[in-house]
Structures are given as structure tokens and as C-alpha cells.
Amino acid sequence: MLRIKIIVSLICQVLFVFTTTVEISAIELIGVHIRASEGRSGSVISKPVTLTRAATIVRIDGPKEGFCITGTATICSSSEIIGMTLEPGTYTVFPNVPPGKDREKVVIYLRY
């Protein structure tokens, strides 16, 4: 009987670790926008992310001034798009730079 309890306990622990790992994994869509200034051109840096199937926006870390996601569709918004689904395709993102700042970053977390 003790042997069965130990085996059941180990199986539960393995399942817990597996489900925790699956929950943590997310796709990150990252963009940085550097404002142009005298003697320096501005730039937008965003490595394209290709979604092989539809993915849901689960979290956003970025400025309250918003951002634009470009790809299969163009979406300009702020955090109210959490829960929205992006269709398969290749996407980039860039944040709006607030007044008084020269640089801003946004991270969009997606989950299949």
C-alpha cells in the first residue's frame, strides 16, 4: 500500500511540474522605438515572430501611450487587447514613445 502511495505521489509531482512548465512558456513579441534627435536618426527594432497557428495575447508590458502590432493585420492599441487572438502569420511590434522620452520598449506575451 505504501508503494502505491509513493508512486501516485510521484506521478502527481511530475504532472504538476509539467503543467507549470507549459503555463510559463509564452511567445514574446518585443519592440523598441528610439526617437530621432538632432544628428541621429530614429529607429524601430523588432525581431519578426512567426505564429504557426492562432495565438492569444495574455500579457503586455509597455507604455500607456500604446503600440502597434503589424503583420497579417495592423493593430494599434494599448493593454485593452489582452485576450485578443492573432491569426497565423509573421508579426512585429513597436511602442509609441511618450513625450519627454527618447526610447520605449514593449513586450507582448502570446500563448498558443
PDB file of N, CA and C in Angstrom:
ATOM      1  N   MET A   1       0.813  -1.193   0.000  1.00  0.00           N
ATOM      2  CA  MET A   1       0.000   0.000   0.000  1.00  0.00           C
ATOM      3  C   MET A   1       0.865   1.269   0.000  1.00  0.00           C
ATOM      4  N   LEU A   2       1.928   1.252   0.788  1.00  0.00           N
ATOM      5  CA  LEU A   2       2.834   2.399   0.837  1.00  0.00           C
ATOM      6  C   LEU A   2       3.474   2.636  -0.523  1.00  0.00           C
ATOM      7  N   ARG A   3       3.799   1.561  -1.208  1.00  0.00           N
ATOM      8  CA  ARG A   3       4.419   1.650  -2.536  1.00  0.00           C
ATOM      9  C   ARG A   3       3.479   2.359  -3.520  1.00  0.00           C
ATOM     10  N   ILE A   4       2.202   2.043  -3.467  1.00  0.00           N
ATOM     11  CA  ILE A   4       1.212   2.669  -4.351  1.00  0.00           C
ATOM     12  C   ILE A   4       1.101   4.156  -4.036  1.00  0.00           C
ATOM     13  N   LYS A   5       1.092   4.519  -2.761  1.00  0.00           N
ATOM     14  CA  LYS A   5       1.015   5.933  -2.374  1.00  0.00           C
ATOM     15  C   LYS A   5       2.231   6.699  -2.876  1.00  0.00           C
ATOM     16  N   ILE A   6       3.399   6.100  -2.791  1.00  0.00           N
ATOM     17  CA  ILE A   6       4.623   6.757  -3.271  1.00  0.00           C
ATOM     18  C   ILE A   6       4.556   6.949  -4.783  1.00  0.00           C
ATOM     19  N   ILE A   7       4.110   5.936  -5.503  1.00  0.00           N
ATOM     20  CA  ILE A   7       4.014   6.036  -6.967  1.00  0.00           C
ATOM     21  C   ILE A   7       2.997   7.109  -7.359  1.00  0.00           C
ATOM     22  N   VAL A   8       1.847   7.124  -6.714  1.00  0.00           N
ATOM     23  CA  VAL A   8       0.825   8.136  -7.002  1.00  0.00           C
ATOM     24  C   VAL A   8       1.361   9.526  -6.687  1.00  0.00           C
ATOM     25  N   SER A   9       2.066   9.674  -5.582  1.00  0.00           N
ATOM     26  CA  SER A   9       2.651  10.962  -5.213  1.00  0.00           C
ATOM     27  C   SER A   9       3.663  11.427  -6.259  1.00  0.00           C
ATOM     28  N   LEU A  10       4.515  10.539  -6.731  1.00  0.00           N
ATOM     29  CA  LEU A  10       5.493  10.894  -7.765  1.00  0.00           C
ATOM     30  C   LEU A  10       4.815  11.286  -9.061  1.00  0.00           C
ATOM     31  N   ILE A  11       3.786  10.568  -9.454  1.00  0.00           N
ATOM     32  CA  ILE A  11       3.051  10.907 -10.683  1.00  0.00           C
ATOM     33  C   ILE A  11       2.430  12.294 -10.555  1.00  0.00           C
ATOM     34  N   CYS A  12       1.838  12.598  -9.422  1.00  0.00           N
ATOM     35  CA  CYS A  12       1.240  13.925  -9.203  1.00  0.00           C
ATOM     36  C   CYS A  12       2.297  15.026  -9.280  1.00  0.00           C
ATOM     37  N   GLN A  13       3.465  14.792  -8.707  1.00  0.00           N
ATOM     38  CA  GLN A  13       4.535  15.783  -8.753  1.00  0.00           C
ATOM     39  C   GLN A  13       5.009  16.015 -10.176  1.00  0.00           C
ATOM     40  N   VAL A  14       5.163  14.948 -10.948  1.00  0.00           N
ATOM     41  CA  VAL A  14       5.592  15.080 -12.346  1.00  0.00           C
ATOM     42  C   VAL A  14       4.547  15.846 -13.139  1.00  0.00           C
ATOM     43  N   LEU A  15       3.270  15.542 -12.956  1.00  0.00           N
ATOM     44  CA  LEU A  15       2.208  16.263 -13.660  1.00  0.00           C
ATOM     45  C   LEU A  15       2.180  17.734 -13.270  1.00  0.00           C
ATOM     46  N   PHE A  16       2.410  18.043 -11.997  1.00  0.00           N
ATOM     47  CA  PHE A  16       2.446  19.429 -11.548  1.00  0.00           C
ATOM     48  C   PHE A  16       3.582  20.190 -12.226  1.00  0.00           C
ATOM     49  N   VAL A  17       4.767  19.601 -12.249  1.00  0.00           N
ATOM     50  CA  VAL A  17       5.918  20.242 -12.903  1.00  0.00           C
ATOM     51  C   VAL A  17       5.634  20.438 -14.378  1.00  0.00           C
ATOM     52  N   PHE A  18       5.056  19.453 -15.040  1.00  0.00           N
ATOM     53  CA  PHE A  18       4.758  19.558 -16.468  1.00  0.00           C
ATOM     54  C   PHE A  18       3.756  20.667 -16.741  1.00  0.00           C
ATOM     55  N   THR A  19       2.667  20.735 -15.984  1.00  0.00           N
ATOM     56  CA  THR A  19       1.654  21.763 -16.230  1.00  0.00           C
ATOM     57  C   THR A  19       2.191  23.148 -15.886  1.00  0.00           C
ATOM     58  N   THR A  20       3.042  23.264 -14.876  1.00  0.00           N
ATOM     59  CA  THR A  20       3.647  24.551 -14.548  1.00  0.00           C
ATOM     60  C   THR A  20       4.557  25.008 -15.677  1.00  0.00           C
ATOM     61  N   THR A  21       5.338  24.112 -16.246  1.00  0.00           N
ATOM     62  CA  THR A  21       6.229  24.454 -17.348  1.00  0.00           C
ATOM     63  C   THR A  21       5.440  24.892 -18.566  1.00  0.00           C
ATOM     64  N   VAL A  22       4.361  24.211 -18.869  1.00  0.00           N
ATOM     65  CA  VAL A  22       3.531  24.575 -20.012  1.00  0.00           C
ATOM     66  C   VAL A  22       2.916  25.948 -19.795  1.00  0.00           C
ATOM     67  N   GLU A  23       2.473  26.251 -18.576  1.00  0.00           N
ATOM     68  CA  GLU A  23       1.842  27.532 -18.273  1.00  0.00           C
ATOM     69  C   GLU A  23       2.831  28.689 -18.411  1.00  0.00           C
ATOM     70  N   ILE A  24       4.088  28.479 -18.030  1.00  0.00           N
ATOM     71  CA  ILE A  24       5.081  29.537 -18.062  1.00  0.00           C
ATOM     72  C   ILE A  24       5.502  29.878 -19.488  1.00  0.00           C
ATOM     73  N   SER A  25       5.577  28.886 -20.359  1.00  0.00           N
ATOM     74  CA  SER A  25       6.082  29.140 -21.704  1.00  0.00           C
ATOM     75  C   SER A  25       5.130  30.056 -22.463  1.00  0.00           C
ATOM     76  N   ALA A  26       5.674  31.102 -23.035  1.00  0.00           N
ATOM     77  CA  ALA A  26       4.897  32.058 -23.816  1.00  0.00           C
ATOM     78  C   ALA A  26       5.771  32.556 -24.960  1.00  0.00           C
ATOM     79  N   ILE A  27       5.118  33.014 -25.985  1.00  0.00           N
ATOM     80  CA  ILE A  27       5.816  33.600 -27.126  1.00  0.00           C
ATOM     81  C   ILE A  27       5.933  35.093 -26.837  1.00  0.00           C
ATOM     82  N   GLU A  28       7.122  35.652 -27.034  1.00  0.00           N
ATOM     83  CA  GLU A  28       7.322  37.076 -26.775  1.00  0.00           C
ATOM     84  C   GLU A  28       7.506  37.832 -28.084  1.00  0.00           C
ATOM     85  N   LEU A  29       6.719  38.867 -28.251  1.00  0.00           N
ATOM     86  CA  LEU A  29       6.831  39.789 -29.377  1.00  0.00           C
ATOM     87  C   LEU A  29       7.374  41.080 -28.775  1.00  0.00           C
ATOM     88  N   ILE A  30       8.610  41.446 -29.115  1.00  0.00           N
ATOM     89  CA  ILE A  30       9.305  42.564 -28.466  1.00  0.00           C
ATOM     90  C   ILE A  30       9.625  43.650 -29.477  1.00  0.00           C
ATOM     91  N   GLY A  31       9.399  44.893 -29.087  1.00  0.00           N
ATOM     92  CA  GLY A  31       9.731  46.019 -29.950  1.00  0.00           C
ATOM     93  C   GLY A  31      10.319  47.163 -29.166  1.00  0.00           C
ATOM     94  N   VAL A  32      11.282  47.848 -29.775  1.00  0.00           N
ATOM     95  CA  VAL A  32      11.915  49.031 -29.178  1.00  0.00           C
ATOM     96  C   VAL A  32      11.835  50.152 -30.204  1.00  0.00           C
ATOM     97  N   HIS A  33      11.459  51.333 -29.749  1.00  0.00           N
ATOM     98  CA  HIS A  33      11.370  52.513 -30.616  1.00  0.00           C
ATOM     99  C   HIS A  33      12.274  53.589 -30.029  1.00  0.00           C
ATOM    100  N   ILE A  34      13.238  54.038 -30.825  1.00  0.00           N
ATOM    101  CA  ILE A  34      14.158  55.094 -30.397  1.00  0.00           C
ATOM    102  C   ILE A  34      13.833  56.334 -31.214  1.00  0.00           C
ATOM    103  N   ARG A  35      13.501  57.399 -30.529  1.00  0.00           N
ATOM    104  CA  ARG A  35      13.100  58.645 -31.179  1.00  0.00           C
ATOM    105  C   ARG A  35      14.291  59.302 -31.880  1.00  0.00           C
ATOM    106  N   ALA A  36      14.033  59.886 -33.031  1.00  0.00           N
ATOM    107  CA  ALA A  36      15.066  60.637 -33.750  1.00  0.00           C
ATOM    108  C   ALA A  36      15.388  61.908 -32.971  1.00  0.00           C
ATOM    109  N   SER A  37      16.643  62.319 -33.045  1.00  0.00           N
ATOM    110  CA  SER A  37      17.045  63.580 -32.425  1.00  0.00           C
ATOM    111  C   SER A  37      18.063  64.246 -33.347  1.00  0.00           C
ATOM    112  N   GLU A  38      18.436  65.435 -33.010  1.00  0.00           N
ATOM    113  CA  GLU A  38      19.362  66.181 -33.853  1.00  0.00           C
ATOM    114  C   GLU A  38      20.659  65.392 -34.049  1.00  0.00           C
ATOM    115  N   GLY A  39      21.007  65.169 -35.298  1.00  0.00           N
ATOM    116  CA  GLY A  39      22.227  64.444 -35.624  1.00  0.00           C
ATOM    117  C   GLY A  39      22.106  62.930 -35.522  1.00  0.00           C
ATOM    118  N   ARG A  40      20.911  62.440 -35.262  1.00  0.00           N
ATOM    119  CA  ARG A  40      20.723  60.999 -35.096  1.00  0.00           C
ATOM    120  C   ARG A  40      19.347  60.623 -35.625  1.00  0.00           C
ATOM    121  N   SER A  41      19.312  59.597 -36.454  1.00  0.00           N
ATOM    122  CA  SER A  41      18.015  59.149 -36.963  1.00  0.00           C
ATOM    123  C   SER A  41      17.396  58.172 -35.969  1.00  0.00           C
ATOM    124  N   GLY A  42      16.099  58.149 -35.949  1.00  0.00           N
ATOM    125  CA  GLY A  42      15.398  57.249 -35.056  1.00  0.00           C
ATOM    126  C   GLY A  42      15.366  55.837 -35.635  1.00  0.00           C
ATOM    127  N   SER A  43      14.942  54.890 -34.822  1.00  0.00           N
ATOM    128  CA  SER A  43      14.851  53.516 -35.317  1.00  0.00           C
ATOM    129  C   SER A  43      13.787  52.737 -34.553  1.00  0.00           C
ATOM    130  N   VAL A  44      13.284  51.739 -35.236  1.00  0.00           N
ATOM    131  CA  VAL A  44      12.350  50.799 -34.632  1.00  0.00           C
ATOM    132  C   VAL A  44      12.991  49.430 -34.770  1.00  0.00           C
ATOM    133  N   ILE A  45      13.131  48.730 -33.656  1.00  0.00           N
ATOM    134  CA  ILE A  45      13.773  47.418 -33.654  1.00  0.00           C
ATOM    135  C   ILE A  45      12.742  46.405 -33.155  1.00  0.00           C
ATOM    136  N   SER A  46      12.437  45.431 -34.001  1.00  0.00           N
ATOM    137  CA  SER A  46      11.511  44.375 -33.611  1.00  0.00           C
ATOM    138  C   SER A  46      11.810  43.142 -34.439  1.00  0.00           C
ATOM    139  N   LYS A  47      12.258  42.091 -33.788  1.00  0.00           N
ATOM    140  CA  LYS A  47      12.525  40.838 -34.484  1.00  0.00           C
ATOM    141  C   LYS A  47      11.179  40.205 -34.852  1.00  0.00           C
ATOM    142  N   PRO A  48      10.965  39.888 -36.129  1.00  0.00           N
ATOM    143  CA  PRO A  48       9.687  39.281 -36.526  1.00  0.00           C
ATOM    144  C   PRO A  48       9.460  37.940 -35.836  1.00  0.00           C
ATOM    145  N   VAL A  49       8.222  37.717 -35.428  1.00  0.00           N
ATOM    146  CA  VAL A  49       7.814  36.458 -34.812  1.00  0.00           C
ATOM    147  C   VAL A  49       6.762  35.827 -35.719  1.00  0.00           C
ATOM    148  N   THR A  50       6.990  34.570 -36.094  1.00  0.00           N
ATOM    149  CA  THR A  50       6.045  33.859 -36.950  1.00  0.00           C
ATOM    150  C   THR A  50       5.202  32.918 -36.100  1.00  0.00           C
ATOM    151  N   LEU A  51       3.896  33.114 -36.175  1.00  0.00           N
ATOM    152  CA  LEU A  51       2.953  32.246 -35.475  1.00  0.00           C
ATOM    153  C   LEU A  51       2.503  31.158 -36.446  1.00  0.00           C
ATOM    154  N   THR A  52       2.670  29.914 -36.049  1.00  0.00           N
ATOM    155  CA  THR A  52       2.279  28.801 -36.919  1.00  0.00           C
ATOM    156  C   THR A  52       0.796  28.467 -36.775  1.00  0.00           C
ATOM    157  N   ARG A  53       0.197  28.975 -35.705  1.00  0.00           N
ATOM    158  CA  ARG A  53      -1.246  28.828 -35.506  1.00  0.00           C
ATOM    159  C   ARG A  53      -1.712  30.031 -34.685  1.00  0.00           C
ATOM    160  N   ALA A  54      -3.003  30.166 -34.524  1.00  0.00           N
ATOM    161  CA  ALA A  54      -3.547  31.307 -33.788  1.00  0.00           C
ATOM    162  C   ALA A  54      -2.997  31.326 -32.358  1.00  0.00           C
ATOM    163  N   ALA A  55      -2.697  32.530 -31.861  1.00  0.00           N
ATOM    164  CA  ALA A  55      -2.174  32.696 -30.505  1.00  0.00           C
ATOM    165  C   ALA A  55      -2.921  33.841 -29.822  1.00  0.00           C
ATOM    166  N   THR A  56      -3.098  33.715 -28.520  1.00  0.00           N
ATOM    167  CA  THR A  56      -3.844  34.699 -27.740  1.00  0.00           C
ATOM    168  C   THR A  56      -2.888  35.601 -26.970  1.00  0.00           C
ATOM    169  N   ILE A  57      -3.190  36.897 -26.956  1.00  0.00           N
ATOM    170  CA  ILE A  57      -2.405  37.860 -26.176  1.00  0.00           C
ATOM    171  C   ILE A  57      -2.789  37.683 -24.707  1.00  0.00           C
ATOM    172  N   VAL A  58      -1.790  37.349 -23.879  1.00  0.00           N
ATOM    173  CA  VAL A  58      -2.073  37.078 -22.465  1.00  0.00           C
ATOM    174  C   VAL A  58      -1.523  38.150 -21.518  1.00  0.00           C
ATOM    175  N   ARG A  59      -0.569  38.936 -21.980  1.00  0.00           N
ATOM    176  CA  ARG A  59       0.013  39.978 -21.125  1.00  0.00           C
ATOM    177  C   ARG A  59       0.740  40.993 -21.985  1.00  0.00           C
ATOM    178  N   ILE A  60       0.798  42.232 -21.502  1.00  0.00           N
ATOM    179  CA  ILE A  60       1.508  43.300 -22.207  1.00  0.00           C
ATOM    180  C   ILE A  60       2.314  44.090 -21.187  1.00  0.00           C
ATOM    181  N   ASP A  61       3.605  44.259 -21.459  1.00  0.00           N
ATOM    182  CA  ASP A  61       4.452  45.148 -20.668  1.00  0.00           C
ATOM    183  C   ASP A  61       4.896  46.262 -21.600  1.00  0.00           C
ATOM    184  N   GLY A  62       4.399  47.454 -21.367  1.00  0.00           N
ATOM    185  CA  GLY A  62       4.770  48.553 -22.249  1.00  0.00           C
ATOM    186  C   GLY A  62       4.166  49.861 -21.791  1.00  0.00           C
ATOM    187  N   PRO A  63       4.367  50.900 -22.601  1.00  0.00           N
ATOM    188  CA  PRO A  63       3.923  52.239 -22.215  1.00  0.00           C
ATOM    189  C   PRO A  63       2.404  52.386 -22.295  1.00  0.00           C
ATOM    190  N   LYS A  64       1.863  53.268 -21.464  1.00  0.00           N
ATOM    191  CA  LYS A  64       0.426  53.529 -21.514  1.00  0.00           C
ATOM    192  C   LYS A  64       0.046  54.258 -22.807  1.00  0.00           C
ATOM    193  N   GLU A  65       1.043  54.814 -23.509  1.00  0.00           N
ATOM    194  CA  GLU A  65       0.779  55.509 -24.774  1.00  0.00           C
ATOM    195  C   GLU A  65       0.462  54.536 -25.908  1.00  0.00           C
ATOM    196  N   GLY A  66       0.652  53.250 -25.669  1.00  0.00           N
ATOM    197  CA  GLY A  66       0.252  52.247 -26.641  1.00  0.00           C
ATOM    198  C   GLY A  66       1.364  51.791 -27.561  1.00  0.00           C
ATOM    199  N   PHE A  67       0.957  51.042 -28.580  1.00  0.00           N
ATOM    200  CA  PHE A  67       1.892  50.397 -29.503  1.00  0.00           C
ATOM    201  C   PHE A  67       1.125  49.983 -30.744  1.00  0.00           C
ATOM    202  N   CYS A  68       1.850  49.542 -31.760  1.00  0.00           N
ATOM    203  CA  CYS A  68       1.234  48.994 -32.969  1.00  0.00           C
ATOM    204  C   CYS A  68       1.853  47.634 -33.269  1.00  0.00           C
ATOM    205  N   ILE A  69       0.992  46.657 -33.525  1.00  0.00           N
ATOM    206  CA  ILE A  69       1.417  45.338 -33.979  1.00  0.00           C
ATOM    207  C   ILE A  69       1.151  45.315 -35.480  1.00  0.00           C
ATOM    208  N   THR A  70       2.163  44.953 -36.245  1.00  0.00           N
ATOM    209  CA  THR A  70       1.981  44.869 -37.695  1.00  0.00           C
ATOM    210  C   THR A  70       2.249  43.448 -38.156  1.00  0.00           C
ATOM    211  N   GLY A  71       1.548  43.043 -39.169  1.00  0.00           N
ATOM    212  CA  GLY A  71       1.698  41.693 -39.704  1.00  0.00           C
ATOM    213  C   GLY A  71       0.506  41.359 -40.565  1.00  0.00           C
ATOM    214  N   THR A  72      -0.110  40.220 -40.315  1.00  0.00           N
ATOM    215  CA  THR A  72      -1.300  39.815 -41.052  1.00  0.00           C
ATOM    216  C   THR A  72      -2.386  40.882 -40.921  1.00  0.00           C
ATOM    217  N   ALA A  73      -2.422  41.517 -39.777  1.00  0.00           N
ATOM    218  CA  ALA A  73      -3.315  42.651 -39.525  1.00  0.00           C
ATOM    219  C   ALA A  73      -2.498  43.714 -38.807  1.00  0.00           C
ATOM    220  N   THR A  74      -2.943  44.966 -38.857  1.00  0.00           N
ATOM    221  CA  THR A  74      -2.292  46.034 -38.095  1.00  0.00           C
ATOM    222  C   THR A  74      -3.229  46.446 -36.973  1.00  0.00           C
ATOM    223  N   ILE A  75      -2.695  46.396 -35.753  1.00  0.00           N
ATOM    224  CA  ILE A  75      -3.487  46.721 -34.572  1.00  0.00           C
ATOM    225  C   ILE A  75      -2.723  47.770 -33.782  1.00  0.00           C
ATOM    226  N   CYS A  76      -3.318  48.928 -33.604  1.00  0.00           N
ATOM    227  CA  CYS A  76      -2.712  49.974 -32.766  1.00  0.00           C
ATOM    228  C   CYS A  76      -3.607  50.149 -31.551  1.00  0.00           C
ATOM    229  N   SER A  77      -3.020  49.958 -30.370  1.00  0.00           N
ATOM    230  CA  SER A  77      -3.836  49.952 -29.171  1.00  0.00           C
ATOM    231  C   SER A  77      -2.964  50.107 -27.931  1.00  0.00           C
ATOM    232  N   SER A  78      -3.534  49.724 -26.800  1.00  0.00           N
ATOM    233  CA  SER A  78      -2.793  49.622 -25.544  1.00  0.00           C
ATOM    234  C   SER A  78      -3.231  48.321 -24.886  1.00  0.00           C
ATOM    235  N   SER A  79      -3.256  48.244 -23.598  1.00  0.00           N
ATOM    236  CA  SER A  79      -3.478  46.963 -22.915  1.00  0.00           C
ATOM    237  C   SER A  79      -4.878  46.390 -23.075  1.00  0.00           C
ATOM    238  N   GLU A  80      -5.830  47.122 -23.671  1.00  0.00           N
ATOM    239  CA  GLU A  80      -7.182  46.565 -23.761  1.00  0.00           C
ATOM    240  C   GLU A  80      -7.314  45.427 -24.769  1.00  0.00           C
ATOM    241  N   ILE A  81      -6.231  45.043 -25.439  1.00  0.00           N
ATOM    242  CA  ILE A  81      -6.315  43.926 -26.388  1.00  0.00           C
ATOM    243  C   ILE A  81      -5.917  42.589 -25.759  1.00  0.00           C
ATOM    244  N   ILE A  82      -5.711  42.567 -24.449  1.00  0.00           N
ATOM    245  CA  ILE A  82      -5.437  41.295 -23.773  1.00  0.00           C
ATOM    246  C   ILE A  82      -6.640  40.384 -24.003  1.00  0.00           C
ATOM    247  N   GLY A  83      -6.364  39.156 -24.410  1.00  0.00           N
ATOM    248  CA  GLY A  83      -7.427  38.209 -24.731  1.00  0.00           C
ATOM    249  C   GLY A  83      -7.698  38.112 -26.223  1.00  0.00           C
ATOM    250  N   MET A  84      -7.187  39.076 -26.997  1.00  0.00           N
ATOM    251  CA  MET A  84      -7.375  39.047 -28.450  1.00  0.00           C
ATOM    252  C   MET A  84      -6.518  37.939 -29.057  1.00  0.00           C
ATOM    253  N   THR A  85      -6.997  37.348 -30.140  1.00  0.00           N
ATOM    254  CA  THR A  85      -6.271  36.282 -30.821  1.00  0.00           C
ATOM    255  C   THR A  85      -5.655  36.814 -32.112  1.00  0.00           C
ATOM    256  N   LEU A  86      -4.373  36.525 -32.304  1.00  0.00           N
ATOM    257  CA  LEU A  86      -3.692  36.852 -33.557  1.00  0.00           C
ATOM    258  C   LEU A  86      -3.691  35.598 -34.426  1.00  0.00           C
ATOM    259  N   GLU A  87      -4.052  35.764 -35.673  1.00  0.00           N
ATOM    260  CA  GLU A  87      -4.089  34.647 -36.612  1.00  0.00           C
ATOM    261  C   GLU A  87      -2.664  34.256 -37.014  1.00  0.00           C
ATOM    262  N   PRO A  88      -2.472  33.064 -37.568  1.00  0.00           N
ATOM    263  CA  PRO A  88      -1.132  32.666 -38.019  1.00  0.00           C
ATOM    264  C   PRO A  88      -0.560  33.698 -38.993  1.00  0.00           C
ATOM    265  N   GLY A  89       0.728  33.946 -38.884  1.00  0.00           N
ATOM    266  CA  GLY A  89       1.404  34.928 -39.727  1.00  0.00           C
ATOM    267  C   GLY A  89       2.650  35.430 -39.034  1.00  0.00           C
ATOM    268  N   THR A  90       3.302  36.410 -39.639  1.00  0.00           N
ATOM    269  CA  THR A  90       4.518  36.999 -39.087  1.00  0.00           C
ATOM    270  C   THR A  90       4.210  38.399 -38.589  1.00  0.00           C
ATOM    271  N   TYR A  91       4.633  38.700 -37.358  1.00  0.00           N
ATOM    272  CA  TYR A  91       4.292  39.956 -36.703  1.00  0.00           C
ATOM    273  C   TYR A  91       5.529  40.658 -36.134  1.00  0.00           C
ATOM    274  N   THR A  92       5.449  41.989 -36.084  1.00  0.00           N
ATOM    275  CA  THR A  92       6.408  42.824 -35.361  1.00  0.00           C
ATOM    276  C   THR A  92       5.589  43.801 -34.512  1.00  0.00           C
ATOM    277  N   VAL A  93       6.251  44.469 -33.582  1.00  0.00           N
ATOM    278  CA  VAL A  93       5.558  45.434 -32.729  1.00  0.00           C
ATOM    279  C   VAL A  93       6.476  46.615 -32.464  1.00  0.00           C
ATOM    280  N   PHE A  94       5.884  47.800 -32.355  1.00  0.00           N
ATOM    281  CA  PHE A  94       6.676  48.952 -31.927  1.00  0.00           C
ATOM    282  C   PHE A  94       5.830  49.828 -31.008  1.00  0.00           C
ATOM    283  N   PRO A  95       6.460  50.331 -29.941  1.00  0.00           N
ATOM    284  CA  PRO A  95       5.735  51.163 -28.981  1.00  0.00           C
ATOM    285  C   PRO A  95       5.700  52.621 -29.433  1.00  0.00           C
ATOM    286  N   ASN A  96       4.715  53.348 -28.941  1.00  0.00           N
ATOM    287  CA  ASN A  96       4.692  54.799 -29.111  1.00  0.00           C
ATOM    288  C   ASN A  96       5.583  55.383 -28.023  1.00  0.00           C
ATOM    289  N   VAL A  97       6.455  56.297 -28.404  1.00  0.00           N
ATOM    290  CA  VAL A  97       7.369  56.916 -27.440  1.00  0.00           C
ATOM    291  C   VAL A  97       6.662  58.114 -26.799  1.00  0.00           C
ATOM    292  N   PRO A  98       6.526  58.117 -25.476  1.00  0.00           N
ATOM    293  CA  PRO A  98       5.845  59.225 -24.807  1.00  0.00           C
ATOM    294  C   PRO A  98       6.671  60.511 -24.848  1.00  0.00           C
ATOM    295  N   PRO A  99       6.000  61.647 -24.738  1.00  0.00           N
ATOM    296  CA  PRO A  99       6.724  62.923 -24.692  1.00  0.00           C
ATOM    297  C   PRO A  99       7.739  62.924 -23.548  1.00  0.00           C
ATOM    298  N   GLY A 100       8.899  63.498 -23.812  1.00  0.00           N
ATOM    299  CA  GLY A 100       9.936  63.591 -22.791  1.00  0.00           C
ATOM    300  C   GLY A 100      10.841  62.375 -22.707  1.00  0.00           C
ATOM    301  N   LYS A 101      10.567  61.341 -23.494  1.00  0.00           N
ATOM    302  CA  LYS A 101      11.431  60.157 -23.506  1.00  0.00           C
ATOM    303  C   LYS A 101      12.009  59.983 -24.900  1.00  0.00           C
ATOM    304  N   ASP A 102      13.198  59.405 -24.968  1.00  0.00           N
ATOM    305  CA  ASP A 102      13.838  59.153 -26.256  1.00  0.00           C
ATOM    306  C   ASP A 102      13.695  57.707 -26.701  1.00  0.00           C
ATOM    307  N   ARG A 103      13.297  56.842 -25.774  1.00  0.00           N
ATOM    308  CA  ARG A 103      13.280  55.406 -26.076  1.00  0.00           C
ATOM    309  C   ARG A 103      12.149  54.737 -25.298  1.00  0.00           C
ATOM    310  N   GLU A 104      11.537  53.735 -25.926  1.00  0.00           N
ATOM    311  CA  GLU A 104      10.497  52.967 -25.240  1.00  0.00           C
ATOM    312  C   GLU A 104      10.522  51.525 -25.730  1.00  0.00           C
ATOM    313  N   LYS A 105      10.062  50.618 -24.882  1.00  0.00           N
ATOM    314  CA  LYS A 105      10.057  49.191 -25.200  1.00  0.00           C
ATOM    315  C   LYS A 105       8.695  48.613 -24.856  1.00  0.00           C
ATOM    316  N   VAL A 106       8.245  47.635 -25.652  1.00  0.00           N
ATOM    317  CA  VAL A 106       7.009  46.919 -25.364  1.00  0.00           C
ATOM    318  C   VAL A 106       7.262  45.424 -25.557  1.00  0.00           C
ATOM    319  N   VAL A 107       6.659  44.619 -24.681  1.00  0.00           N
ATOM    320  CA  VAL A 107       6.718  43.163 -24.803  1.00  0.00           C
ATOM    321  C   VAL A 107       5.280  42.655 -24.781  1.00  0.00           C
ATOM    322  N   ILE A 108       4.911  41.932 -25.831  1.00  0.00           N
ATOM    323  CA  ILE A 108       3.578  41.321 -25.931  1.00  0.00           C
ATOM    324  C   ILE A 108       3.777  39.809 -25.709  1.00  0.00           C
ATOM    325  N   TYR A 109       3.088  39.252 -24.742  1.00  0.00           N
ATOM    326  CA  TYR A 109       3.180  37.829 -24.457  1.00  0.00           C
ATOM    327  C   TYR A 109       1.987  37.116 -25.075  1.00  0.00           C
ATOM    328  N   LEU A 110       2.298  36.084 -25.870  1.00  0.00           N
ATOM    329  CA  LEU A 110       1.265  35.320 -26.569  1.00  0.00           C
ATOM    330  C   LEU A 110       1.330  33.870 -26.138  1.00  0.00           C
ATOM    331  N   ARG A 111       0.206  33.182 -26.228  1.00  0.00           N
ATOM    332  CA  ARG A 111       0.176  31.761 -25.898  1.00  0.00           C
ATOM    333  C   ARG A 111      -0.686  31.041 -26.917  1.00  0.00           C
ATOM    334  N   TYR A 112      -0.156  29.901 -27.398  1.00  0.00           N
ATOM    335  CA  TYR A 112      -0.928  29.051 -28.317  1.00  0.00           C
ATOM    336  C   TYR A 112      -2.050  28.392 -27.573  1.00  0.00           C
TER     337      TYR A 112
END
